[in-house]
Amino acid sequence: MTDPAGLPWRRNVGAVIFNSKGLVFVARRTDMPGAGGGPDEGVWQCPQGGIDDGEQPEDAVLREVLEETGMTSLVLLGEYPDWLSYDLPDHLIGKALGGKFRGQTQKWFALRFSGDESEIRLDLQAHREFDAWKWVPLADLPLLNVGFKKPVYEKLATGFTRFL
């Protein structure tokens, strides 16, 4: 097995997207156990993705949200002050993230969605990352099945209350 301590974290961005009611956008992953089950089954998360070489995190988050959700009617509200990191579970080391990373270190941004929900499309990529979406209270983020990313979502649920 690959020793995770010898692997770097992948640089990544994440988006906590608020609607006009102060609720947060989450989507259900297609590649996690339970996906495709009942309306609350599966692993839910906020949009996130890698930062391309030479790309600024602020640009990366808008690109990732567009690629994963189709949303363009977005306003940047602010960012979490620190980079938040998580390690992959042992069974994913050497497999997930191209097998080259121990986990991810993420810059998280708060965004406001001001468009019509018809703008939200999960089918823009050949390999769909998500199969369902919903709006939830910010405080509920860590209560969803967010898998091994729960500590990150706990920090976001308290750190982004100023954007409600």
N, C-alpha and C. Protein backbone atom coordinates (compact mmCIF):
# COMPACT_ATOMS: atom_id res chain seq x y z
N MET A 1 0.84 -1.20 0.00
CA MET A 1 0.00 0.00 0.00
C MET A 1 0.88 1.25 0.00
N THR A 2 0.44 2.28 -0.66
CA THR A 2 1.15 3.55 -0.73
C THR A 2 1.09 4.23 0.64
N ASP A 3 2.22 4.79 1.07
CA ASP A 3 2.27 5.52 2.33
C ASP A 3 1.72 6.93 2.10
N PRO A 4 0.55 7.26 2.71
CA PRO A 4 -0.05 8.57 2.45
C PRO A 4 0.81 9.74 2.92
N ALA A 5 1.63 9.53 3.94
CA ALA A 5 2.45 10.63 4.45
C ALA A 5 3.45 11.12 3.40
N GLY A 6 3.79 10.28 2.44
CA GLY A 6 4.74 10.67 1.40
C GLY A 6 4.09 11.33 0.20
N LEU A 7 2.77 11.43 0.21
CA LEU A 7 2.06 12.02 -0.92
C LEU A 7 1.63 13.45 -0.61
N PRO A 8 1.57 14.31 -1.61
CA PRO A 8 1.10 15.69 -1.39
C PRO A 8 -0.43 15.75 -1.39
N TRP A 9 -0.95 16.90 -0.97
CA TRP A 9 -2.37 17.18 -1.11
C TRP A 9 -2.58 17.83 -2.48
N ARG A 10 -3.70 17.55 -3.09
CA ARG A 10 -4.09 18.18 -4.36
C ARG A 10 -4.73 19.52 -4.04
N ARG A 11 -4.30 20.57 -4.74
CA ARG A 11 -4.91 21.90 -4.55
C ARG A 11 -6.28 21.92 -5.21
N ASN A 12 -7.25 22.46 -4.50
CA ASN A 12 -8.64 22.33 -4.87
C ASN A 12 -9.40 23.56 -4.39
N VAL A 13 -10.55 23.80 -4.99
CA VAL A 13 -11.46 24.86 -4.53
C VAL A 13 -12.82 24.24 -4.24
N GLY A 14 -13.57 24.91 -3.38
CA GLY A 14 -14.93 24.49 -3.07
C GLY A 14 -15.84 25.70 -3.03
N ALA A 15 -17.14 25.45 -3.30
CA ALA A 15 -18.12 26.54 -3.37
C ALA A 15 -19.31 26.25 -2.47
N VAL A 16 -19.54 27.13 -1.50
CA VAL A 16 -20.78 27.11 -0.73
C VAL A 16 -21.67 28.16 -1.40
N ILE A 17 -22.71 27.68 -2.09
CA ILE A 17 -23.56 28.55 -2.90
C ILE A 17 -24.87 28.79 -2.19
N PHE A 18 -25.13 30.05 -1.86
CA PHE A 18 -26.36 30.44 -1.17
C PHE A 18 -27.39 30.92 -2.19
N ASN A 19 -28.66 30.60 -1.94
CA ASN A 19 -29.72 31.17 -2.75
C ASN A 19 -30.29 32.40 -2.03
N SER A 20 -31.31 33.01 -2.58
CA SER A 20 -31.87 34.24 -2.00
C SER A 20 -32.53 34.01 -0.64
N LYS A 21 -32.83 32.76 -0.30
CA LYS A 21 -33.43 32.43 1.00
C LYS A 21 -32.38 32.05 2.04
N GLY A 22 -31.11 32.09 1.65
CA GLY A 22 -30.03 31.73 2.58
C GLY A 22 -29.77 30.24 2.68
N LEU A 23 -30.36 29.47 1.78
CA LEU A 23 -30.11 28.03 1.76
C LEU A 23 -28.90 27.73 0.87
N VAL A 24 -28.30 26.56 1.08
CA VAL A 24 -27.06 26.18 0.42
C VAL A 24 -27.31 25.03 -0.57
N PHE A 25 -26.68 25.14 -1.73
CA PHE A 25 -26.77 24.13 -2.78
C PHE A 25 -25.89 22.93 -2.44
N VAL A 26 -26.46 21.73 -2.48
CA VAL A 26 -25.69 20.49 -2.37
C VAL A 26 -26.16 19.55 -3.48
N ALA A 27 -25.26 18.66 -3.89
CA ALA A 27 -25.58 17.71 -4.94
C ALA A 27 -25.10 16.32 -4.53
N ARG A 28 -25.79 15.31 -5.04
CA ARG A 28 -25.48 13.92 -4.69
C ARG A 28 -24.52 13.33 -5.71
N ARG A 29 -23.42 12.76 -5.21
CA ARG A 29 -22.39 12.17 -6.05
C ARG A 29 -22.91 10.90 -6.73
N THR A 30 -22.47 10.69 -7.96
CA THR A 30 -22.87 9.48 -8.69
C THR A 30 -21.94 8.30 -8.41
N ASP A 31 -20.76 8.58 -7.85
CA ASP A 31 -19.75 7.52 -7.72
C ASP A 31 -19.56 7.01 -6.29
N MET A 32 -20.51 7.30 -5.40
CA MET A 32 -20.38 6.86 -4.01
C MET A 32 -21.49 5.88 -3.68
N PRO A 33 -21.23 4.92 -2.81
CA PRO A 33 -22.28 3.97 -2.44
C PRO A 33 -23.54 4.68 -1.95
N GLY A 34 -24.68 4.17 -2.38
CA GLY A 34 -25.95 4.77 -1.99
C GLY A 34 -26.47 5.76 -2.99
N ALA A 35 -25.63 6.23 -3.91
CA ALA A 35 -26.09 7.18 -4.92
C ALA A 35 -27.13 6.51 -5.80
N GLY A 36 -28.14 7.26 -6.15
CA GLY A 36 -29.19 6.72 -6.99
C GLY A 36 -30.30 6.05 -6.21
N GLY A 37 -30.19 6.04 -4.88
CA GLY A 37 -31.22 5.45 -4.04
C GLY A 37 -32.34 6.44 -3.78
N GLY A 38 -32.85 6.42 -2.57
CA GLY A 38 -33.94 7.33 -2.19
C GLY A 38 -33.49 8.77 -2.23
N PRO A 39 -34.43 9.70 -2.00
CA PRO A 39 -34.12 11.12 -2.16
C PRO A 39 -33.05 11.66 -1.21
N ASP A 40 -32.83 10.99 -0.07
CA ASP A 40 -31.82 11.48 0.87
C ASP A 40 -30.63 10.54 1.00
N GLU A 41 -30.61 9.47 0.21
CA GLU A 41 -29.49 8.53 0.27
C GLU A 41 -28.31 9.06 -0.53
N GLY A 42 -27.18 8.38 -0.36
CA GLY A 42 -25.99 8.75 -1.11
C GLY A 42 -25.14 9.76 -0.37
N VAL A 43 -24.09 10.19 -1.02
CA VAL A 43 -23.15 11.17 -0.47
C VAL A 43 -23.40 12.51 -1.14
N TRP A 44 -23.63 13.53 -0.32
CA TRP A 44 -23.94 14.87 -0.79
C TRP A 44 -22.75 15.78 -0.55
N GLN A 45 -22.55 16.75 -1.42
CA GLN A 45 -21.46 17.71 -1.22
C GLN A 45 -21.75 18.99 -1.98
N CYS A 46 -20.96 20.00 -1.64
CA CYS A 46 -20.96 21.25 -2.40
C CYS A 46 -20.03 21.07 -3.59
N PRO A 47 -20.22 21.85 -4.66
CA PRO A 47 -19.32 21.74 -5.81
C PRO A 47 -17.87 22.02 -5.41
N GLN A 48 -16.97 21.28 -5.98
CA GLN A 48 -15.55 21.47 -5.72
C GLN A 48 -14.76 20.89 -6.89
N GLY A 49 -13.50 21.27 -6.98
CA GLY A 49 -12.67 20.71 -8.04
C GLY A 49 -11.27 21.26 -8.02
N GLY A 50 -10.43 20.69 -8.84
CA GLY A 50 -9.02 21.04 -8.86
C GLY A 50 -8.74 22.41 -9.46
N ILE A 51 -7.59 22.93 -9.08
CA ILE A 51 -7.10 24.20 -9.61
C ILE A 51 -6.09 23.86 -10.71
N ASP A 52 -6.32 24.37 -11.91
CA ASP A 52 -5.40 24.13 -13.02
C ASP A 52 -4.10 24.91 -12.82
N ASP A 53 -3.03 24.44 -13.44
CA ASP A 53 -1.74 25.14 -13.36
C ASP A 53 -1.90 26.58 -13.81
N GLY A 54 -1.41 27.52 -13.01
CA GLY A 54 -1.47 28.94 -13.34
C GLY A 54 -2.81 29.59 -13.07
N GLU A 55 -3.80 28.83 -12.65
CA GLU A 55 -5.15 29.37 -12.41
C GLU A 55 -5.27 29.91 -10.99
N GLN A 56 -5.93 31.04 -10.85
CA GLN A 56 -6.20 31.61 -9.54
C GLN A 56 -7.40 30.89 -8.92
N PRO A 57 -7.39 30.68 -7.59
CA PRO A 57 -8.52 29.99 -6.95
C PRO A 57 -9.88 30.64 -7.24
N GLU A 58 -9.94 31.97 -7.30
CA GLU A 58 -11.20 32.66 -7.57
C GLU A 58 -11.75 32.31 -8.96
N ASP A 59 -10.85 32.13 -9.92
CA ASP A 59 -11.27 31.73 -11.27
C ASP A 59 -11.64 30.24 -11.30
N ALA A 60 -10.87 29.44 -10.58
CA ALA A 60 -11.11 27.99 -10.55
C ALA A 60 -12.49 27.67 -9.98
N VAL A 61 -12.90 28.38 -8.93
CA VAL A 61 -14.19 28.05 -8.31
C VAL A 61 -15.34 28.36 -9.25
N LEU A 62 -15.26 29.45 -9.98
CA LEU A 62 -16.33 29.77 -10.94
C LEU A 62 -16.35 28.77 -12.09
N ARG A 63 -15.18 28.35 -12.56
CA ARG A 63 -15.09 27.35 -13.63
C ARG A 63 -15.67 26.02 -13.16
N GLU A 64 -15.28 25.59 -11.97
CA GLU A 64 -15.76 24.30 -11.45
C GLU A 64 -17.27 24.30 -11.26
N VAL A 65 -17.81 25.38 -10.71
CA VAL A 65 -19.27 25.46 -10.50
C VAL A 65 -19.99 25.39 -11.85
N LEU A 66 -19.48 26.10 -12.83
CA LEU A 66 -20.08 26.07 -14.16
C LEU A 66 -20.04 24.65 -14.73
N GLU A 67 -18.87 24.00 -14.67
CA GLU A 67 -18.73 22.66 -15.23
C GLU A 67 -19.65 21.65 -14.56
N GLU A 68 -19.79 21.74 -13.25
CA GLU A 68 -20.54 20.74 -12.50
C GLU A 68 -22.03 21.02 -12.40
N THR A 69 -22.43 22.32 -12.47
CA THR A 69 -23.83 22.67 -12.20
C THR A 69 -24.48 23.53 -13.28
N GLY A 70 -23.69 24.11 -14.17
CA GLY A 70 -24.23 25.02 -15.17
C GLY A 70 -24.50 26.42 -14.66
N MET A 71 -24.32 26.67 -13.37
CA MET A 71 -24.62 27.99 -12.79
C MET A 71 -23.64 29.05 -13.28
N THR A 72 -24.19 30.17 -13.75
CA THR A 72 -23.37 31.32 -14.13
C THR A 72 -23.80 32.58 -13.39
N SER A 73 -25.02 32.60 -12.87
CA SER A 73 -25.55 33.79 -12.18
C SER A 73 -25.05 33.78 -10.74
N LEU A 74 -23.76 34.06 -10.59
CA LEU A 74 -23.09 33.96 -9.29
C LEU A 74 -22.37 35.24 -8.93
N VAL A 75 -22.40 35.55 -7.64
CA VAL A 75 -21.65 36.67 -7.10
C VAL A 75 -20.75 36.13 -6.00
N LEU A 76 -19.47 36.47 -6.04
CA LEU A 76 -18.53 36.06 -5.00
C LEU A 76 -18.77 36.88 -3.76
N LEU A 77 -19.09 36.22 -2.64
CA LEU A 77 -19.35 36.91 -1.38
C LEU A 77 -18.11 37.01 -0.49
N GLY A 78 -17.28 36.01 -0.54
CA GLY A 78 -16.09 35.99 0.32
C GLY A 78 -15.48 34.60 0.31
N GLU A 79 -14.49 34.41 1.18
CA GLU A 79 -13.79 33.14 1.23
C GLU A 79 -13.49 32.75 2.66
N TYR A 80 -13.28 31.46 2.87
CA TYR A 80 -12.85 30.98 4.18
C TYR A 80 -11.40 31.43 4.34
N PRO A 81 -11.01 31.90 5.53
CA PRO A 81 -9.68 32.50 5.65
C PRO A 81 -8.51 31.53 5.49
N ASP A 82 -8.72 30.25 5.74
CA ASP A 82 -7.64 29.28 5.68
C ASP A 82 -7.90 28.26 4.59
N TRP A 83 -6.84 27.58 4.18
CA TRP A 83 -6.98 26.41 3.33
C TRP A 83 -7.38 25.26 4.25
N LEU A 84 -8.37 24.47 3.86
CA LEU A 84 -8.84 23.33 4.65
C LEU A 84 -8.40 22.05 3.96
N SER A 85 -7.78 21.15 4.71
CA SER A 85 -7.25 19.92 4.12
C SER A 85 -7.94 18.71 4.70
N TYR A 86 -8.04 17.67 3.88
CA TYR A 86 -8.52 16.39 4.38
C TYR A 86 -7.73 15.27 3.70
N ASP A 87 -7.57 14.19 4.44
CA ASP A 87 -6.92 13.00 3.91
C ASP A 87 -7.98 12.02 3.41
N LEU A 88 -7.64 11.32 2.36
CA LEU A 88 -8.50 10.25 1.87
C LEU A 88 -8.50 9.09 2.86
N PRO A 89 -9.58 8.34 2.93
CA PRO A 89 -9.56 7.11 3.73
C PRO A 89 -8.53 6.13 3.15
N ASP A 90 -8.00 5.27 3.99
CA ASP A 90 -6.95 4.33 3.57
C ASP A 90 -7.30 3.56 2.31
N HIS A 91 -8.56 3.13 2.18
CA HIS A 91 -8.93 2.30 1.03
C HIS A 91 -8.93 3.07 -0.30
N LEU A 92 -8.83 4.40 -0.24
CA LEU A 92 -8.79 5.20 -1.46
C LEU A 92 -7.39 5.70 -1.81
N ILE A 93 -6.44 5.55 -0.87
CA ILE A 93 -5.06 5.98 -1.13
C ILE A 93 -4.51 5.15 -2.29
N GLY A 94 -3.92 5.84 -3.26
CA GLY A 94 -3.35 5.18 -4.43
C GLY A 94 -4.38 4.88 -5.52
N LYS A 95 -5.66 5.19 -5.24
CA LYS A 95 -6.72 4.92 -6.22
C LYS A 95 -7.42 6.21 -6.63
N ALA A 96 -7.97 6.92 -5.66
CA ALA A 96 -8.68 8.17 -5.95
C ALA A 96 -7.69 9.27 -6.30
N LEU A 97 -8.20 10.31 -6.94
CA LEU A 97 -7.38 11.48 -7.31
C LEU A 97 -6.16 11.08 -8.14
N GLY A 98 -6.36 10.10 -9.01
CA GLY A 98 -5.27 9.66 -9.88
C GLY A 98 -4.19 8.88 -9.17
N GLY A 99 -4.42 8.56 -7.89
CA GLY A 99 -3.45 7.79 -7.13
C GLY A 99 -2.22 8.57 -6.72
N LYS A 100 -2.21 9.88 -6.96
CA LYS A 100 -1.01 10.69 -6.73
C LYS A 100 -1.07 11.55 -5.47
N PHE A 101 -2.22 11.55 -4.78
CA PHE A 101 -2.40 12.50 -3.67
C PHE A 101 -2.93 11.78 -2.42
N ARG A 102 -2.60 12.34 -1.27
CA ARG A 102 -3.09 11.81 0.01
C ARG A 102 -4.48 12.32 0.34
N GLY A 103 -4.86 13.41 -0.32
CA GLY A 103 -6.14 14.07 -0.09
C GLY A 103 -6.11 15.40 -0.79
N GLN A 104 -6.87 16.34 -0.28
CA GLN A 104 -6.93 17.65 -0.92
C GLN A 104 -6.78 18.76 0.11
N THR A 105 -6.19 19.86 -0.34
CA THR A 105 -6.20 21.08 0.43
C THR A 105 -7.02 22.08 -0.37
N GLN A 106 -8.02 22.67 0.29
CA GLN A 106 -9.05 23.40 -0.43
C GLN A 106 -9.18 24.84 0.03
N LYS A 107 -9.40 25.72 -0.93
CA LYS A 107 -9.79 27.10 -0.67
C LYS A 107 -11.28 27.16 -0.93
N TRP A 108 -12.06 27.52 0.08
CA TRP A 108 -13.51 27.55 -0.02
C TRP A 108 -14.02 28.97 -0.19
N PHE A 109 -15.00 29.12 -1.06
CA PHE A 109 -15.61 30.41 -1.35
C PHE A 109 -17.11 30.36 -1.09
N ALA A 110 -17.65 31.49 -0.64
CA ALA A 110 -19.09 31.66 -0.52
C ALA A 110 -19.56 32.43 -1.74
N LEU A 111 -20.59 31.93 -2.40
CA LEU A 111 -21.15 32.54 -3.59
C LEU A 111 -22.66 32.72 -3.41
N ARG A 112 -23.22 33.70 -4.07
CA ARG A 112 -24.68 33.89 -4.09
C ARG A 112 -25.18 33.57 -5.49
N PHE A 113 -26.17 32.68 -5.56
CA PHE A 113 -26.81 32.35 -6.83
C PHE A 113 -28.03 33.24 -7.00
N SER A 114 -28.06 34.00 -8.10
CA SER A 114 -29.15 34.95 -8.32
C SER A 114 -29.98 34.59 -9.56
N GLY A 115 -29.72 33.45 -10.16
CA GLY A 115 -30.42 33.07 -11.38
C GLY A 115 -31.69 32.29 -11.11
N ASP A 116 -32.29 31.84 -12.18
CA ASP A 116 -33.45 30.97 -12.10
C ASP A 116 -32.95 29.53 -11.99
N GLU A 117 -33.66 28.70 -11.23
CA GLU A 117 -33.21 27.33 -11.03
C GLU A 117 -33.14 26.52 -12.32
N SER A 118 -33.80 26.98 -13.38
CA SER A 118 -33.69 26.28 -14.67
C SER A 118 -32.27 26.33 -15.22
N GLU A 119 -31.45 27.23 -14.68
CA GLU A 119 -30.05 27.35 -15.07
C GLU A 119 -29.23 26.17 -14.56
N ILE A 120 -29.69 25.51 -13.50
CA ILE A 120 -28.94 24.43 -12.87
C ILE A 120 -29.06 23.17 -13.72
N ARG A 121 -27.89 22.69 -14.19
CA ARG A 121 -27.83 21.50 -15.04
C ARG A 121 -26.69 20.61 -14.57
N LEU A 122 -27.01 19.39 -14.28
CA LEU A 122 -25.99 18.43 -13.83
C LEU A 122 -25.49 17.54 -14.96
N ASP A 123 -25.97 17.78 -16.18
CA ASP A 123 -25.66 16.91 -17.31
C ASP A 123 -24.74 17.54 -18.35
N LEU A 124 -23.94 18.50 -17.94
CA LEU A 124 -23.09 19.21 -18.90
C LEU A 124 -21.79 18.45 -19.21
N GLN A 125 -21.41 17.52 -18.37
CA GLN A 125 -20.19 16.76 -18.59
C GLN A 125 -20.54 15.35 -19.06
N ALA A 126 -19.65 14.75 -19.86
CA ALA A 126 -19.88 13.39 -20.33
C ALA A 126 -19.98 12.43 -19.14
N HIS A 127 -19.12 12.63 -18.16
CA HIS A 127 -19.16 11.82 -16.93
C HIS A 127 -19.79 12.68 -15.84
N ARG A 128 -21.07 12.47 -15.58
CA ARG A 128 -21.78 13.27 -14.59
C ARG A 128 -21.25 13.00 -13.19
N GLU A 129 -20.92 14.06 -12.48
CA GLU A 129 -20.47 13.91 -11.09
C GLU A 129 -21.65 13.79 -10.13
N PHE A 130 -22.78 14.44 -10.47
CA PHE A 130 -23.94 14.47 -9.59
C PHE A 130 -25.18 14.00 -10.32
N ASP A 131 -26.14 13.43 -9.55
CA ASP A 131 -27.40 13.00 -10.16
C ASP A 131 -28.63 13.65 -9.54
N ALA A 132 -28.45 14.44 -8.50
CA ALA A 132 -29.57 15.14 -7.85
C ALA A 132 -29.01 16.34 -7.10
N TRP A 133 -29.86 17.31 -6.84
CA TRP A 133 -29.44 18.48 -6.08
C TRP A 133 -30.61 18.98 -5.23
N LYS A 134 -30.27 19.79 -4.20
CA LYS A 134 -31.28 20.38 -3.34
C LYS A 134 -30.66 21.55 -2.58
N TRP A 135 -31.53 22.36 -1.98
CA TRP A 135 -31.12 23.47 -1.12
C TRP A 135 -31.33 23.05 0.33
N VAL A 136 -30.33 23.30 1.17
CA VAL A 136 -30.41 22.92 2.59
C VAL A 136 -29.92 24.08 3.46
N PRO A 137 -30.33 24.12 4.73
CA PRO A 137 -29.78 25.13 5.63
C PRO A 137 -28.28 24.92 5.83
N LEU A 138 -27.54 26.00 5.95
CA LEU A 138 -26.09 25.93 6.16
C LEU A 138 -25.74 25.03 7.34
N ALA A 139 -26.48 25.15 8.43
CA ALA A 139 -26.19 24.37 9.64
C ALA A 139 -26.34 22.87 9.40
N ASP A 140 -27.09 22.49 8.35
CA ASP A 140 -27.31 21.07 8.07
C ASP A 140 -26.18 20.44 7.26
N LEU A 141 -25.25 21.23 6.75
CA LEU A 141 -24.19 20.65 5.91
C LEU A 141 -23.49 19.47 6.58
N PRO A 142 -23.02 19.60 7.84
CA PRO A 142 -22.32 18.46 8.43
C PRO A 142 -23.25 17.31 8.83
N LEU A 143 -24.56 17.54 8.80
CA LEU A 143 -25.51 16.49 9.16
C LEU A 143 -25.85 15.59 7.97
N LEU A 144 -25.56 16.08 6.76
CA LEU A 144 -25.76 15.26 5.56
C LEU A 144 -24.69 14.18 5.52
N ASN A 145 -24.89 13.18 4.69
CA ASN A 145 -23.84 12.20 4.50
C ASN A 145 -22.79 12.81 3.57
N VAL A 146 -21.80 13.45 4.15
CA VAL A 146 -20.71 14.06 3.37
C VAL A 146 -19.45 13.19 3.45
N GLY A 147 -19.61 11.99 3.99
CA GLY A 147 -18.50 11.04 4.04
C GLY A 147 -17.34 11.55 4.87
N PHE A 148 -16.14 11.28 4.40
CA PHE A 148 -14.92 11.61 5.13
C PHE A 148 -14.60 13.11 5.11
N LYS A 149 -15.42 13.91 4.45
CA LYS A 149 -15.20 15.35 4.40
C LYS A 149 -15.92 16.09 5.54
N LYS A 150 -16.52 15.36 6.46
CA LYS A 150 -17.33 15.98 7.52
C LYS A 150 -16.59 17.08 8.30
N PRO A 151 -15.33 16.89 8.71
CA PRO A 151 -14.66 17.97 9.45
C PRO A 151 -14.58 19.28 8.66
N VAL A 152 -14.41 19.20 7.34
CA VAL A 152 -14.39 20.40 6.51
C VAL A 152 -15.75 21.08 6.54
N TYR A 153 -16.82 20.30 6.38
CA TYR A 153 -18.17 20.85 6.36
C TYR A 153 -18.57 21.43 7.72
N GLU A 154 -18.05 20.87 8.80
CA GLU A 154 -18.31 21.45 10.13
C GLU A 154 -17.72 22.86 10.21
N LYS A 155 -16.52 23.04 9.69
CA LYS A 155 -15.89 24.37 9.70
C LYS A 155 -16.64 25.35 8.81
N LEU A 156 -17.09 24.89 7.66
CA LEU A 156 -17.83 25.77 6.75
C LEU A 156 -19.18 26.18 7.34
N ALA A 157 -19.83 25.27 8.03
CA ALA A 157 -21.15 25.55 8.60
C ALA A 157 -21.09 26.64 9.67
N THR A 158 -19.97 26.77 10.33
CA THR A 158 -19.83 27.87 11.31
C THR A 158 -19.11 29.07 10.70
N GLY A 159 -18.13 28.82 9.85
CA GLY A 159 -17.33 29.91 9.29
C GLY A 159 -18.04 30.77 8.27
N PHE A 160 -19.10 30.24 7.65
CA PHE A 160 -19.83 31.00 6.61
C PHE A 160 -21.18 31.54 7.08
N THR A 161 -21.43 31.53 8.38
CA THR A 161 -22.72 32.08 8.88
C THR A 161 -22.84 33.56 8.57
N ARG A 162 -21.75 34.25 8.41
CA ARG A 162 -21.81 35.70 8.12
C ARG A 162 -22.43 36.00 6.75
N PHE A 163 -22.55 34.97 5.90
CA PHE A 163 -23.12 35.17 4.56
C PHE A 163 -24.61 34.85 4.47
N LEU A 164 -25.19 34.44 5.60
CA LEU A 164 -26.64 34.11 5.60
C LEU A 164 -27.47 35.35 5.37
